[in-house]
Amino acid sequence: MATESAGTLGREELIEAYRVMRTIRAFEERVHAEFGSGELPGAVHLYAGQEAVAAGVCGALVEGDYIASTHRGHGHAIAKGCDIGAMMRELYGKAGGSCNGKGGSMHIADFERGMLGANGVAAGGAPLACGSALTAKILGKRHVSVAFVGDGAANQGSFAESLNLATVWQLPVVFVVEDNGYAQATGTRYHLRGLDVARRAEAFGMPAAIVDGTDYLAVRAAADAAVERARSGGGPSFIECKAGRFFGHMEGFDQQGYRGEGEVDRLRAEDCLVRFTAAAGLSTEDVNGVDVTVEAAVEVAVAEAKAAPAPEAAELLTDVYVSY
């Protein structure tokens, strides 16, 4: 797949890409601080460090396309256009949250935005993406679905089944494996034979690419090609993006004793946001303008989440059962 260049994208599109990545970073860093203060309930998995993947892939999508996420789903949700205020209220378990405060971090969803949901089940989003892709194919719509999966989840049987199903039925779906180097605390060299998950796509005759997940332009180029292939009836594609996470597997749980000395410092030195601003030629004025706006928006989101009421008791059984 071709390599994107900053010149391929217009200035406004480049600024928007930075805004998405900067929003994810600001949101995650604030969530990290809020969790550390003991105010956030539940399990929280942060996406910081991998922003170029979510932004690059979702930048290739249009309204009507769908994504299925992972337990580390905040970045995907933001990149797909979910409201950060509703997301923050969801993390706080408040009314007005993305799922009315009943799902928390690992179950953020917004069908109107094409976000089928974060998922606490490893590789749980892959079959869902196949389902939405099959719907588009049957209805004759040119919609594309994307399944985000971690390197550890790529070892799940449901993931291999999804790859097979997508190729047999030639579904308009793109599988994106985010290899951050660890399945929780187990390094890829211990749980992946051959290391590159993309090689598995070859067994299904599926086009695959391996890209640097800290390079937005590389991710965007791979995503543009895969999405266009799916949208034009060419079937599924596979993209493996390698990008490390800045924080532990889960907030309040992971002491990161498995990390090598200086590993996080090296990851932060290769920050995807810094790489992008240089490659895109964004000015200090461009960057500062986005930074101020984003930080203010996150501040408002936190304040409103803390002030929001808890869901009413009558809401307990809503959204649980479906009437057919």
Protein backbone atom coordinates (compact mmCIF):
# COMPACT_ATOMS: atom_id res chain seq x y z
CA MET A 1 0.00 0.00 0.00
CA ALA A 2 1.19 3.49 -0.87
CA THR A 3 2.69 5.91 1.58
CA GLU A 4 0.67 9.07 2.13
CA SER A 5 2.35 12.47 1.94
CA ALA A 6 1.31 15.61 3.75
CA GLY A 7 0.82 17.23 0.35
CA THR A 8 -1.93 14.73 -0.46
CA LEU A 9 -4.07 16.23 2.31
CA GLY A 10 -5.22 19.83 2.46
CA ARG A 11 -4.22 22.16 5.27
CA GLU A 12 -7.62 21.99 6.97
CA GLU A 13 -7.58 18.20 6.82
CA LEU A 14 -4.12 18.14 8.39
CA ILE A 15 -5.24 20.45 11.18
CA GLU A 16 -8.33 18.29 11.74
CA ALA A 17 -6.13 15.19 11.99
CA TYR A 18 -4.02 16.94 14.63
CA ARG A 19 -7.17 18.04 16.47
CA VAL A 20 -8.40 14.45 16.67
CA MET A 21 -5.08 13.14 17.96
CA ARG A 22 -4.67 16.01 20.39
CA THR A 23 -8.21 15.48 21.72
CA ILE A 24 -7.50 11.80 22.34
CA ARG A 25 -4.25 12.65 24.14
CA ALA A 26 -5.82 15.36 26.30
CA PHE A 27 -8.81 13.17 27.13
CA GLU A 28 -6.64 10.22 28.15
CA GLU A 29 -4.19 12.26 30.20
CA ARG A 30 -7.07 13.87 32.08
CA VAL A 31 -8.73 10.49 32.65
CA HIS A 32 -5.40 9.23 34.00
CA ALA A 33 -5.32 12.12 36.47
CA GLU A 34 -8.96 11.70 37.46
CA PHE A 35 -8.56 7.99 38.06
CA GLY A 36 -5.46 8.64 40.11
CA SER A 37 -7.49 10.93 42.36
CA GLY A 38 -9.87 8.07 43.08
CA GLU A 39 -12.92 9.69 41.48
CA LEU A 40 -13.48 7.41 38.49
CA PRO A 41 -15.16 4.01 38.98
CA GLY A 42 -14.61 0.80 37.06
CA ALA A 43 -11.86 -0.40 34.76
CA VAL A 44 -10.11 2.09 32.49
CA HIS A 45 -7.63 1.30 29.70
CA LEU A 46 -5.85 4.30 28.17
CA TYR A 47 -5.01 4.78 24.49
CA ALA A 48 -2.29 7.46 24.75
CA GLY A 49 0.59 6.74 22.37
CA GLN A 50 -1.57 5.07 19.73
CA GLU A 51 -3.49 8.16 18.57
CA ALA A 52 -2.20 8.04 14.99
CA VAL A 53 -3.86 4.66 14.46
CA ALA A 54 -7.38 5.69 15.44
CA ALA A 55 -7.09 9.07 13.71
CA GLY A 56 -5.49 7.66 10.57
CA VAL A 57 -7.99 4.84 10.12
CA CYS A 58 -11.11 6.83 10.99
CA GLY A 59 -9.87 9.69 8.82
CA ALA A 60 -10.43 7.41 5.83
CA LEU A 61 -14.05 6.72 6.81
CA VAL A 62 -17.22 8.65 6.02
CA GLU A 63 -20.67 8.98 7.56
CA GLY A 64 -22.45 5.64 7.40
CA ASP A 65 -19.31 3.61 8.01
CA TYR A 66 -18.98 1.62 11.24
CA ILE A 67 -16.22 0.71 13.66
CA ALA A 68 -16.11 -1.98 16.34
CA SER A 69 -13.67 -1.24 19.13
CA THR A 70 -11.75 -2.89 21.98
CA HIS A 71 -11.49 -2.49 25.75
CA ARG A 72 -9.04 0.36 24.94
CA GLY A 73 -11.67 2.25 23.01
CA HIS A 74 -11.62 5.95 23.95
CA GLY A 75 -9.36 6.85 21.03
CA HIS A 76 -11.49 5.01 18.50
CA ALA A 77 -14.67 6.66 19.81
CA ILE A 78 -13.20 10.16 19.65
CA ALA A 79 -11.77 9.59 16.17
CA LYS A 80 -15.20 8.41 14.98
CA GLY A 81 -16.77 11.62 16.24
CA CYS A 82 -18.26 10.64 19.59
CA ASP A 83 -18.92 13.53 21.95
CA ILE A 84 -16.27 13.78 24.65
CA GLY A 85 -18.76 15.27 27.10
CA ALA A 86 -21.02 12.23 26.83
CA MET A 87 -17.97 9.97 27.01
CA MET A 88 -16.69 11.60 30.18
CA ARG A 89 -20.12 11.35 31.80
CA GLU A 90 -20.14 7.67 30.87
CA LEU A 91 -16.79 7.13 32.57
CA TYR A 92 -18.20 8.78 35.70
CA GLY A 93 -21.33 6.60 35.53
CA LYS A 94 -23.61 9.61 35.14
CA ALA A 95 -26.90 10.30 33.38
CA GLY A 96 -26.35 11.72 29.92
CA GLY A 97 -23.39 9.43 29.32
CA SER A 98 -22.90 7.67 26.01
CA CYS A 99 -24.74 4.67 27.47
CA ASN A 100 -26.54 6.71 30.14
CA GLY A 101 -23.84 5.93 32.67
CA LYS A 102 -24.49 2.20 32.73
CA GLY A 103 -21.62 0.92 30.60
CA GLY A 104 -18.52 2.77 31.66
CA SER A 105 -15.23 2.93 29.81
CA MET A 106 -15.34 -0.51 28.20
CA HIS A 107 -18.84 -0.17 26.75
CA ILE A 108 -18.93 3.28 25.16
CA ALA A 109 -21.08 3.15 22.04
CA ASP A 110 -22.83 5.61 19.75
CA PHE A 111 -24.64 4.00 16.84
CA GLU A 112 -25.50 7.39 15.33
CA ARG A 113 -21.78 8.05 14.98
CA GLY A 114 -21.09 4.57 13.63
CA MET A 115 -19.41 3.45 16.86
CA LEU A 116 -20.67 -0.07 17.57
CA GLY A 117 -19.05 -0.07 20.97
CA ALA A 118 -15.96 -0.67 23.01
CA ASN A 119 -15.81 -4.30 24.04
CA GLY A 120 -14.52 -6.07 27.12
CA VAL A 121 -14.27 -9.34 25.18
CA ALA A 122 -10.94 -9.78 23.39
CA ALA A 123 -11.58 -9.66 19.61
CA GLY A 124 -15.29 -9.27 20.36
CA GLY A 125 -15.61 -6.49 17.80
CA ALA A 126 -14.42 -8.55 14.83
CA PRO A 127 -17.64 -10.58 14.41
CA LEU A 128 -19.69 -7.41 14.94
CA ALA A 129 -17.84 -5.63 12.14
CA CYS A 130 -18.48 -8.62 9.88
CA GLY A 131 -22.17 -8.34 10.76
CA SER A 132 -22.44 -4.65 9.89
CA ALA A 133 -20.42 -5.25 6.72
CA LEU A 134 -22.75 -8.07 5.71
CA THR A 135 -25.73 -5.76 6.28
CA ALA A 136 -24.19 -3.16 3.96
CA LYS A 137 -23.53 -5.79 1.30
CA ILE A 138 -27.03 -7.25 1.43
CA LEU A 139 -28.66 -3.81 1.32
CA GLY A 140 -26.41 -2.69 -1.52
CA LYS A 141 -24.89 0.18 0.47
CA ARG A 142 -21.28 1.30 0.01
CA HIS A 143 -20.63 1.38 3.74
CA VAL A 144 -17.40 -0.01 5.20
CA SER A 145 -16.85 -1.53 8.63
CA VAL A 146 -13.60 -1.56 10.61
CA ALA A 147 -12.69 -3.97 13.40
CA PHE A 148 -9.98 -2.79 15.80
CA VAL A 149 -8.22 -5.67 17.57
CA GLY A 150 -5.18 -5.84 19.85
CA ASP A 151 -2.21 -8.13 19.24
CA GLY A 152 -3.25 -10.38 22.11
CA ALA A 153 -6.84 -10.58 20.89
CA ALA A 154 -5.55 -11.65 17.47
CA ASN A 155 -4.92 -15.06 19.05
CA GLN A 156 -8.63 -15.56 19.75
CA GLY A 157 -10.48 -18.12 17.68
CA SER A 158 -13.26 -15.67 16.89
CA PHE A 159 -10.73 -13.44 15.13
CA ALA A 160 -9.60 -16.22 12.77
CA GLU A 161 -13.23 -17.11 12.16
CA SER A 162 -13.97 -13.50 11.29
CA LEU A 163 -11.08 -13.35 8.81
CA ASN A 164 -12.34 -16.50 7.15
CA LEU A 165 -15.96 -15.34 7.04
CA ALA A 166 -14.98 -11.96 5.60
CA THR A 167 -12.99 -13.51 2.77
CA VAL A 168 -15.53 -16.25 1.97
CA TRP A 169 -18.32 -13.67 1.71
CA GLN A 170 -16.03 -10.88 0.41
CA LEU A 171 -17.30 -8.43 3.00
CA PRO A 172 -16.49 -4.70 2.96
CA VAL A 173 -14.53 -4.85 6.20
CA VAL A 174 -11.05 -3.78 7.30
CA PHE A 175 -9.30 -5.54 10.18
CA VAL A 176 -6.91 -3.28 12.08
CA VAL A 177 -4.59 -4.98 14.57
CA GLU A 178 -2.99 -2.56 17.01
CA ASP A 179 0.23 -4.19 18.16
CA ASN A 180 1.34 -2.23 21.21
CA GLY A 181 3.85 -4.89 22.16
CA TYR A 182 1.92 -6.52 24.96
CA ALA A 183 -1.11 -8.69 25.60
CA GLN A 184 -1.72 -7.15 29.01
CA ALA A 185 1.73 -7.91 30.50
CA THR A 186 2.89 -10.60 28.05
CA GLY A 187 5.25 -9.38 25.33
CA THR A 188 4.59 -10.25 21.70
CA ARG A 189 7.76 -12.35 21.48
CA TYR A 190 6.18 -14.70 24.03
CA HIS A 191 2.63 -14.94 22.71
CA LEU A 192 2.99 -14.46 18.93
CA ARG A 193 4.81 -16.98 16.76
CA GLY A 194 6.37 -15.06 13.90
CA LEU A 195 5.58 -11.71 15.56
CA ASP A 196 3.87 -10.09 12.55
CA VAL A 197 0.15 -10.78 12.86
CA ALA A 198 -0.40 -9.57 9.29
CA ARG A 199 1.21 -12.75 7.95
CA ARG A 200 -1.87 -14.63 9.13
CA ALA A 201 -4.01 -12.73 6.61
CA GLU A 202 -2.06 -14.43 3.82
CA ALA A 203 -3.62 -17.76 4.78
CA PHE A 204 -7.00 -16.32 3.82
CA GLY A 205 -5.81 -14.64 0.63
CA MET A 206 -6.39 -11.26 2.23
CA PRO A 207 -4.27 -8.20 1.30
CA ALA A 208 -2.29 -7.03 4.32
CA ALA A 209 0.01 -4.18 5.28
CA ILE A 210 2.30 -3.54 8.23
CA VAL A 211 2.76 0.12 9.17
CA ASP A 212 4.39 2.26 11.83
CA GLY A 213 1.45 3.10 14.06
CA THR A 214 3.10 6.31 15.26
CA ASP A 215 3.13 7.69 11.69
CA TYR A 216 -0.29 9.16 10.92
CA LEU A 217 0.46 9.55 7.23
CA ALA A 218 1.51 5.92 6.87
CA VAL A 219 -1.59 4.70 8.71
CA ARG A 220 -3.83 7.00 6.66
CA ALA A 221 -2.36 5.75 3.38
CA ALA A 222 -2.90 2.12 4.33
CA ALA A 223 -6.42 2.89 5.56
CA ASP A 224 -7.32 4.87 2.43
CA ALA A 225 -6.30 1.95 0.22
CA ALA A 226 -8.05 -0.68 2.35
CA VAL A 227 -11.25 1.33 2.72
CA GLU A 228 -11.41 2.10 -1.00
CA ARG A 229 -10.91 -1.58 -1.78
CA ALA A 230 -13.78 -2.53 0.53
CA ARG A 231 -16.07 0.26 -0.69
CA SER A 232 -15.56 -0.65 -4.32
CA GLY A 233 -16.44 -4.32 -3.77
CA GLY A 234 -12.90 -5.66 -3.54
CA GLY A 235 -13.44 -7.41 -0.21
CA PRO A 236 -11.63 -7.28 3.12
CA SER A 237 -8.13 -6.06 3.98
CA PHE A 238 -5.83 -6.29 6.99
CA ILE A 239 -3.63 -3.58 8.52
CA GLU A 240 -1.20 -4.17 11.36
CA CYS A 241 -0.15 -0.99 13.16
CA LYS A 242 2.76 -1.09 15.59
CA ALA A 243 2.55 1.57 18.30
CA GLY A 244 3.29 1.32 22.03
CA ARG A 245 1.01 2.60 24.77
CA PHE A 246 2.32 5.22 27.19
CA PHE A 247 0.44 3.96 30.24
CA GLY A 248 -0.08 0.54 31.78
CA HIS A 249 -2.55 -2.03 30.56
CA MET A 250 -5.19 -0.79 33.01
CA GLU A 251 -5.35 2.11 35.42
CA GLY A 252 -4.79 1.27 39.08
CA PHE A 253 -3.75 -2.28 38.31
CA ASP A 254 -0.61 -2.46 36.22
CA GLN A 255 2.75 -1.59 37.82
CA GLN A 256 4.46 -2.24 34.45
CA GLY A 257 7.23 -4.36 35.90
CA TYR A 258 7.47 -6.15 32.56
CA ARG A 259 8.69 -2.99 30.78
CA GLY A 260 12.35 -2.61 29.91
CA GLU A 261 14.33 0.20 31.50
CA GLY A 262 13.63 3.51 29.73
CA GLU A 263 11.01 1.94 27.46
CA VAL A 264 8.28 4.49 28.13
CA ASP A 265 10.76 7.35 27.71
CA ARG A 266 11.71 5.98 24.29
CA LEU A 267 8.06 5.70 23.31
CA ARG A 268 7.37 9.26 24.36
CA ALA A 269 10.42 10.45 22.43
CA GLU A 270 8.73 9.04 19.29
CA ASP A 271 5.43 10.76 20.09
CA CYS A 272 3.05 10.50 17.14
CA LEU A 273 1.75 14.03 17.70
CA VAL A 274 5.23 15.55 17.48
CA ARG A 275 6.06 13.45 14.42
CA PHE A 276 2.86 14.53 12.74
CA THR A 277 3.22 18.27 13.33
CA ALA A 278 6.70 18.13 11.77
CA ALA A 279 5.65 15.98 8.80
CA ALA A 280 2.51 18.03 8.17
CA GLY A 281 4.34 21.33 8.39
CA LEU A 282 1.92 22.75 10.94
CA SER A 283 2.88 26.10 12.40
CA THR A 284 3.22 26.88 16.09
CA GLU A 285 0.11 29.03 15.71
CA ASP A 286 -1.84 26.12 14.21
CA VAL A 287 -0.81 23.76 17.00
CA ASN A 288 -1.33 26.21 19.86
CA GLY A 289 -4.77 27.14 18.59
CA VAL A 290 -5.87 23.51 18.60
CA ASP A 291 -4.24 22.81 21.97
CA VAL A 292 -6.05 25.65 23.74
CA THR A 293 -9.43 24.70 22.29
CA VAL A 294 -9.01 21.01 23.10
CA GLU A 295 -7.85 21.54 26.68
CA ALA A 296 -10.81 23.85 27.31
CA ALA A 297 -13.24 21.28 25.89
CA VAL A 298 -11.83 18.51 28.10
CA GLU A 299 -12.04 20.79 31.16
CA VAL A 300 -15.72 21.44 30.42
CA ALA A 301 -16.36 17.73 29.88
CA VAL A 302 -14.90 16.86 33.29
CA ALA A 303 -16.74 19.64 35.11
CA GLU A 304 -20.07 18.69 33.55
CA ALA A 305 -19.50 15.00 34.27
CA LYS A 306 -18.84 15.66 37.94
CA ALA A 307 -21.94 17.86 38.22
CA ALA A 308 -24.25 15.48 36.35
CA PRO A 309 -26.73 13.37 38.34
CA ALA A 310 -26.59 9.60 38.59
CA PRO A 311 -29.01 7.65 36.39
CA GLU A 312 -32.51 7.21 37.84
CA ALA A 313 -33.27 3.84 39.41
CA ALA A 314 -36.01 3.39 36.79
CA GLU A 315 -33.29 3.26 34.14
CA LEU A 316 -31.84 0.06 35.55
CA LEU A 317 -33.60 -2.30 33.14
CA THR A 318 -33.76 -0.04 30.09
CA ASP A 319 -31.54 -0.94 27.12
CA VAL A 320 -31.24 -4.50 28.46
CA TYR A 321 -33.90 -6.33 26.47
CA VAL A 322 -34.94 -5.79 22.85
CA SER A 323 -38.51 -6.13 21.58
CA TYR A 324 -38.69 -7.67 18.12
